[in-house]
Amino acid sequence: MKISIIIPLYNEESTIIKLLNKVNAQKESKVDLEIIVIDDCSTDKTNELLKKNDELFDKIIELKKNLGKGGAVRKGLEIATGDYILFQDGDLEYNPEDYKKIFEMLENYKAEIVIGSRFLAPEFTRVHYFFHKVGNRLITLLFNVLYNSTFTDIYSCYLCFKTELIDPKKIKTNGWQQHAEILATAVKKSKVHYEVPISYAGRTFDEGKKIRARHTISVVYTIIKKRFF
């Protein structure tokens, strides 16, 4: 089984090498990892560090113009060759040591989609913003009602899905709502879905967290649009 790990990056000089070492440490005999990094025109030393440590990844895309996380993800999907896709942020909010839980669902339960949930009794979770959690709960509830599912954390970074479920050429969005578009498309095309508990060490805004409450509007619109159109 081959899994493409897609890692979009923008100004992650403080974490990227430690993160890539953690990803590489998850390689095992039964799973072939294809590590793809996309540098979204970083202005710090991210690109320099990647070039000095090119043994830590298999493929790199260096964007000449900042496309945002969604645009970077799309570029990664276009060159991925794995049987499955797994998203990984460039910071250390999510721990690659949790991959093994996702891989178990793929190997033993033939899962087509696996989400790493921060709300399924994880070993630990950093206390984070109240309205972020409320917003996540609301959009997850909306998704479950419209798609007849029982997810607990649809906006977790750790979304893993069969590559054949998503055609990157047909993705319409590039912003924060792209995650909802990909998940909705994959759910409509598949039947076997799982969640696993993961730990979470979320960042504050001062530490670089980028998502804001206003992004919820486009996410809700995308969830509804993909369900009915």
Protein backbone atom coordinates (compact mmCIF):
# COMPACT_ATOMS: atom_id res chain seq x y z
CA MET A 1 0.00 0.00 0.00
CA LYS A 2 1.34 3.40 -0.99
CA ILE A 3 0.25 6.59 0.74
CA SER A 4 1.04 10.07 -0.53
CA ILE A 5 1.61 12.53 2.32
CA ILE A 6 0.85 16.03 1.02
CA ILE A 7 2.47 18.83 3.04
CA PRO A 8 1.66 22.43 1.98
CA LEU A 9 4.10 24.92 3.48
CA TYR A 10 4.19 28.65 4.00
CA ASN A 11 6.81 30.14 6.32
CA GLU A 12 7.32 27.09 8.54
CA GLU A 13 11.09 27.42 9.12
CA SER A 14 10.75 26.75 12.84
CA THR A 15 9.01 23.38 12.48
CA ILE A 16 9.49 21.89 9.02
CA ILE A 17 12.62 19.80 9.60
CA LYS A 18 11.38 18.37 12.89
CA LEU A 19 8.04 17.63 11.21
CA LEU A 20 9.64 15.88 8.23
CA ASN A 21 11.78 13.76 10.53
CA LYS A 22 8.64 12.69 12.37
CA VAL A 23 6.91 11.82 9.08
CA ASN A 24 9.88 9.73 7.94
CA ALA A 25 9.89 7.89 11.24
CA GLN A 26 6.45 6.47 10.36
CA LYS A 27 7.74 4.44 7.42
CA GLU A 28 7.08 0.73 7.85
CA SER A 29 7.35 -2.40 5.72
CA LYS A 30 3.64 -2.64 4.91
CA VAL A 31 3.26 1.02 3.96
CA ASP A 32 5.19 2.93 1.32
CA LEU A 33 5.14 6.66 2.04
CA GLU A 34 5.46 9.20 -0.77
CA ILE A 35 6.30 12.50 0.92
CA ILE A 36 5.35 15.54 -1.17
CA VAL A 37 6.14 19.07 0.02
CA ILE A 38 4.75 22.19 -1.63
CA ASP A 39 6.49 25.44 -0.77
CA ASP A 40 3.84 28.12 -1.29
CA CYS A 41 6.35 30.88 -2.05
CA SER A 42 7.64 31.15 1.52
CA THR A 43 9.44 34.35 2.46
CA ASP A 44 11.45 32.91 5.36
CA LYS A 45 14.07 30.13 5.35
CA THR A 46 11.63 27.29 4.64
CA ASN A 47 12.83 26.76 1.07
CA GLU A 48 16.48 26.97 2.06
CA LEU A 49 15.98 24.33 4.73
CA LEU A 50 14.18 22.05 2.30
CA LYS A 51 17.02 22.22 -0.19
CA LYS A 52 19.55 21.37 2.51
CA ASN A 53 17.49 18.40 3.68
CA ASP A 54 16.14 16.96 0.43
CA GLU A 55 16.60 13.40 1.71
CA LEU A 56 13.56 13.97 3.94
CA PHE A 57 11.03 14.06 1.09
CA ASP A 58 10.39 12.43 -2.29
CA LYS A 59 8.97 15.31 -4.31
CA ILE A 60 8.96 19.09 -4.00
CA ILE A 61 6.92 21.76 -5.74
CA GLU A 62 8.27 25.31 -5.45
CA LEU A 63 5.51 27.76 -6.27
CA LYS A 64 6.58 31.08 -7.76
CA LYS A 65 3.37 32.76 -6.58
CA ASN A 66 1.55 32.31 -3.29
CA LEU A 67 -1.61 30.31 -4.03
CA GLY A 68 -2.77 29.73 -0.46
CA LYS A 69 -3.13 26.35 1.22
CA GLY A 70 -5.83 25.15 -1.18
CA GLY A 71 -3.82 26.02 -4.26
CA ALA A 72 -0.77 24.26 -2.82
CA VAL A 73 -2.84 21.17 -1.97
CA ARG A 74 -4.18 21.03 -5.52
CA LYS A 75 -0.64 21.05 -6.93
CA GLY A 76 0.31 18.21 -4.61
CA LEU A 77 -2.70 16.14 -5.62
CA GLU A 78 -1.74 16.52 -9.28
CA ILE A 79 1.58 14.69 -8.82
CA ALA A 80 0.61 12.20 -6.09
CA THR A 81 0.91 8.54 -7.09
CA GLY A 82 -0.20 6.81 -3.88
CA ASP A 83 -3.24 4.59 -3.41
CA TYR A 84 -4.30 6.98 -0.65
CA ILE A 85 -3.80 10.66 0.13
CA LEU A 86 -3.10 11.96 3.64
CA PHE A 87 -2.84 15.67 4.43
CA GLN A 88 -0.23 16.97 6.86
CA ASP A 89 0.22 20.59 7.95
CA GLY A 90 3.74 21.96 8.14
CA ASP A 91 3.52 22.93 11.79
CA LEU A 92 3.46 20.54 14.75
CA GLU A 93 -0.21 20.85 15.74
CA TYR A 94 -0.73 17.29 14.52
CA ASN A 95 1.64 14.45 15.36
CA PRO A 96 2.63 11.98 12.61
CA GLU A 97 2.93 9.30 15.28
CA ASP A 98 -0.87 9.05 14.95
CA TYR A 99 -0.50 7.78 11.36
CA LYS A 100 -0.43 4.20 12.61
CA LYS A 101 -4.05 4.47 13.73
CA ILE A 102 -5.08 5.65 10.27
CA PHE A 103 -3.01 2.97 8.53
CA GLU A 104 -4.69 0.28 10.63
CA MET A 105 -8.10 1.33 9.31
CA LEU A 106 -6.82 1.15 5.73
CA GLU A 107 -5.15 -2.23 6.17
CA ASN A 108 -7.66 -4.07 8.32
CA TYR A 109 -11.00 -2.45 7.58
CA LYS A 110 -10.65 -1.44 3.92
CA ALA A 111 -11.53 2.14 4.78
CA GLU A 112 -12.01 4.53 1.88
CA ILE A 113 -11.93 7.62 4.12
CA VAL A 114 -10.32 8.04 7.54
CA ILE A 115 -10.42 11.21 9.62
CA GLY A 116 -8.22 11.79 12.63
CA SER A 117 -10.56 13.26 15.24
CA ARG A 118 -9.45 15.58 18.04
CA PHE A 119 -12.69 14.84 19.91
CA LEU A 120 -12.58 11.03 20.21
CA ALA A 121 -10.83 10.72 23.58
CA PRO A 122 -7.31 11.63 22.39
CA GLU A 123 -4.32 11.12 24.66
CA PHE A 124 -4.09 14.90 24.99
CA THR A 125 -5.33 18.08 23.36
CA ARG A 126 -4.13 21.62 23.93
CA VAL A 127 -6.88 23.90 25.21
CA HIS A 128 -7.71 26.19 22.30
CA TYR A 129 -10.15 28.87 21.20
CA PHE A 130 -13.75 28.40 22.36
CA PHE A 131 -15.34 29.74 19.17
CA HIS A 132 -13.09 27.57 17.01
CA LYS A 133 -14.44 24.51 18.79
CA VAL A 134 -18.04 25.75 18.58
CA GLY A 135 -17.62 26.53 14.89
CA ASN A 136 -16.14 23.10 14.22
CA ARG A 137 -19.04 21.44 16.05
CA LEU A 138 -21.60 23.39 14.05
CA ILE A 139 -20.13 22.72 10.62
CA THR A 140 -19.62 19.05 11.55
CA LEU A 141 -23.27 18.82 12.62
CA LEU A 142 -24.39 20.45 9.37
CA PHE A 143 -22.25 18.05 7.35
CA ASN A 144 -23.59 15.02 9.20
CA VAL A 145 -27.21 16.08 8.70
CA LEU A 146 -26.76 16.68 4.97
CA TYR A 147 -24.57 13.66 4.23
CA ASN A 148 -26.12 11.18 6.70
CA SER A 149 -22.82 10.62 8.51
CA THR A 150 -21.57 10.62 12.11
CA PHE A 151 -18.20 12.36 11.96
CA THR A 152 -17.04 14.25 15.04
CA ASP A 153 -14.34 16.48 13.53
CA ILE A 154 -14.62 17.16 9.80
CA TYR A 155 -12.08 20.00 9.87
CA SER A 156 -9.22 17.96 11.25
CA CYS A 157 -6.06 18.24 9.15
CA TYR A 158 -5.76 14.46 9.12
CA LEU A 159 -8.05 13.56 6.25
CA CYS A 160 -7.03 10.37 4.44
CA PHE A 161 -8.88 9.09 1.40
CA LYS A 162 -8.55 6.84 -1.62
CA THR A 163 -6.81 8.77 -4.36
CA GLU A 164 -9.34 7.67 -6.97
CA LEU A 165 -12.13 9.51 -5.13
CA ILE A 166 -10.78 12.96 -6.01
CA ASP A 167 -9.88 14.40 -9.40
CA PRO A 168 -7.72 17.48 -8.71
CA LYS A 169 -8.77 18.96 -12.06
CA LYS A 170 -12.37 19.11 -10.85
CA ILE A 171 -11.67 20.89 -7.56
CA LYS A 172 -13.33 24.30 -7.71
CA THR A 173 -12.01 26.02 -4.57
CA ASN A 174 -8.64 27.14 -3.25
CA GLY A 175 -9.52 28.64 0.14
CA TRP A 176 -10.31 27.12 3.52
CA GLN A 177 -13.52 25.70 2.06
CA GLN A 178 -11.51 23.35 -0.16
CA HIS A 179 -11.24 20.84 2.68
CA ALA A 180 -15.05 20.68 2.82
CA GLU A 181 -15.25 20.30 -0.96
CA ILE A 182 -12.80 17.39 -0.96
CA LEU A 183 -14.47 15.61 1.96
CA ALA A 184 -17.99 16.08 0.56
CA THR A 185 -16.92 14.78 -2.86
CA ALA A 186 -15.15 11.77 -1.35
CA VAL A 187 -18.06 10.89 0.96
CA LYS A 188 -20.56 10.96 -1.89
CA LYS A 189 -18.39 8.52 -3.87
CA SER A 190 -17.60 6.05 -1.08
CA LYS A 191 -19.18 3.90 1.63
CA VAL A 192 -16.54 2.86 4.18
CA HIS A 193 -15.65 5.72 6.52
CA TYR A 194 -13.78 5.68 9.84
CA GLU A 195 -12.49 8.07 12.48
CA VAL A 196 -9.59 7.52 14.88
CA PRO A 197 -8.57 9.58 17.93
CA ILE A 198 -5.56 11.85 17.50
CA SER A 199 -3.74 14.25 19.80
CA TYR A 200 -3.68 17.97 19.09
CA ALA A 201 -1.25 20.73 20.05
CA GLY A 202 -2.97 23.69 18.44
CA ARG A 203 -1.19 26.98 17.91
CA THR A 204 -2.42 30.41 18.99
CA PHE A 205 -2.81 33.29 16.54
CA ASP A 206 0.46 34.73 17.86
CA GLU A 207 2.17 31.42 17.10
CA GLY A 208 0.96 31.43 13.49
CA LYS A 209 -2.57 30.02 13.43
CA LYS A 210 -4.29 31.36 10.33
CA ILE A 211 -7.93 30.23 10.23
CA ARG A 212 -10.50 32.81 11.41
CA ALA A 213 -14.23 32.77 12.22
CA ARG A 214 -15.07 34.47 8.90
CA HIS A 215 -13.85 31.40 7.01
CA THR A 216 -16.85 29.46 8.36
CA ILE A 217 -19.15 31.24 5.91
CA SER A 218 -17.47 29.82 2.80
CA VAL A 219 -17.19 26.39 4.44
CA VAL A 220 -20.95 26.25 5.16
CA TYR A 221 -21.74 27.42 1.63
CA THR A 222 -19.50 24.72 0.12
CA ILE A 223 -21.00 21.94 2.26
CA ILE A 224 -24.51 22.89 1.16
CA LYS A 225 -23.58 23.44 -2.47
CA LYS A 226 -21.81 20.09 -2.80
CA ARG A 227 -24.79 18.28 -1.31
CA PHE A 228 -27.42 19.67 -3.66
CA PHE A 229 -25.55 20.68 -6.81
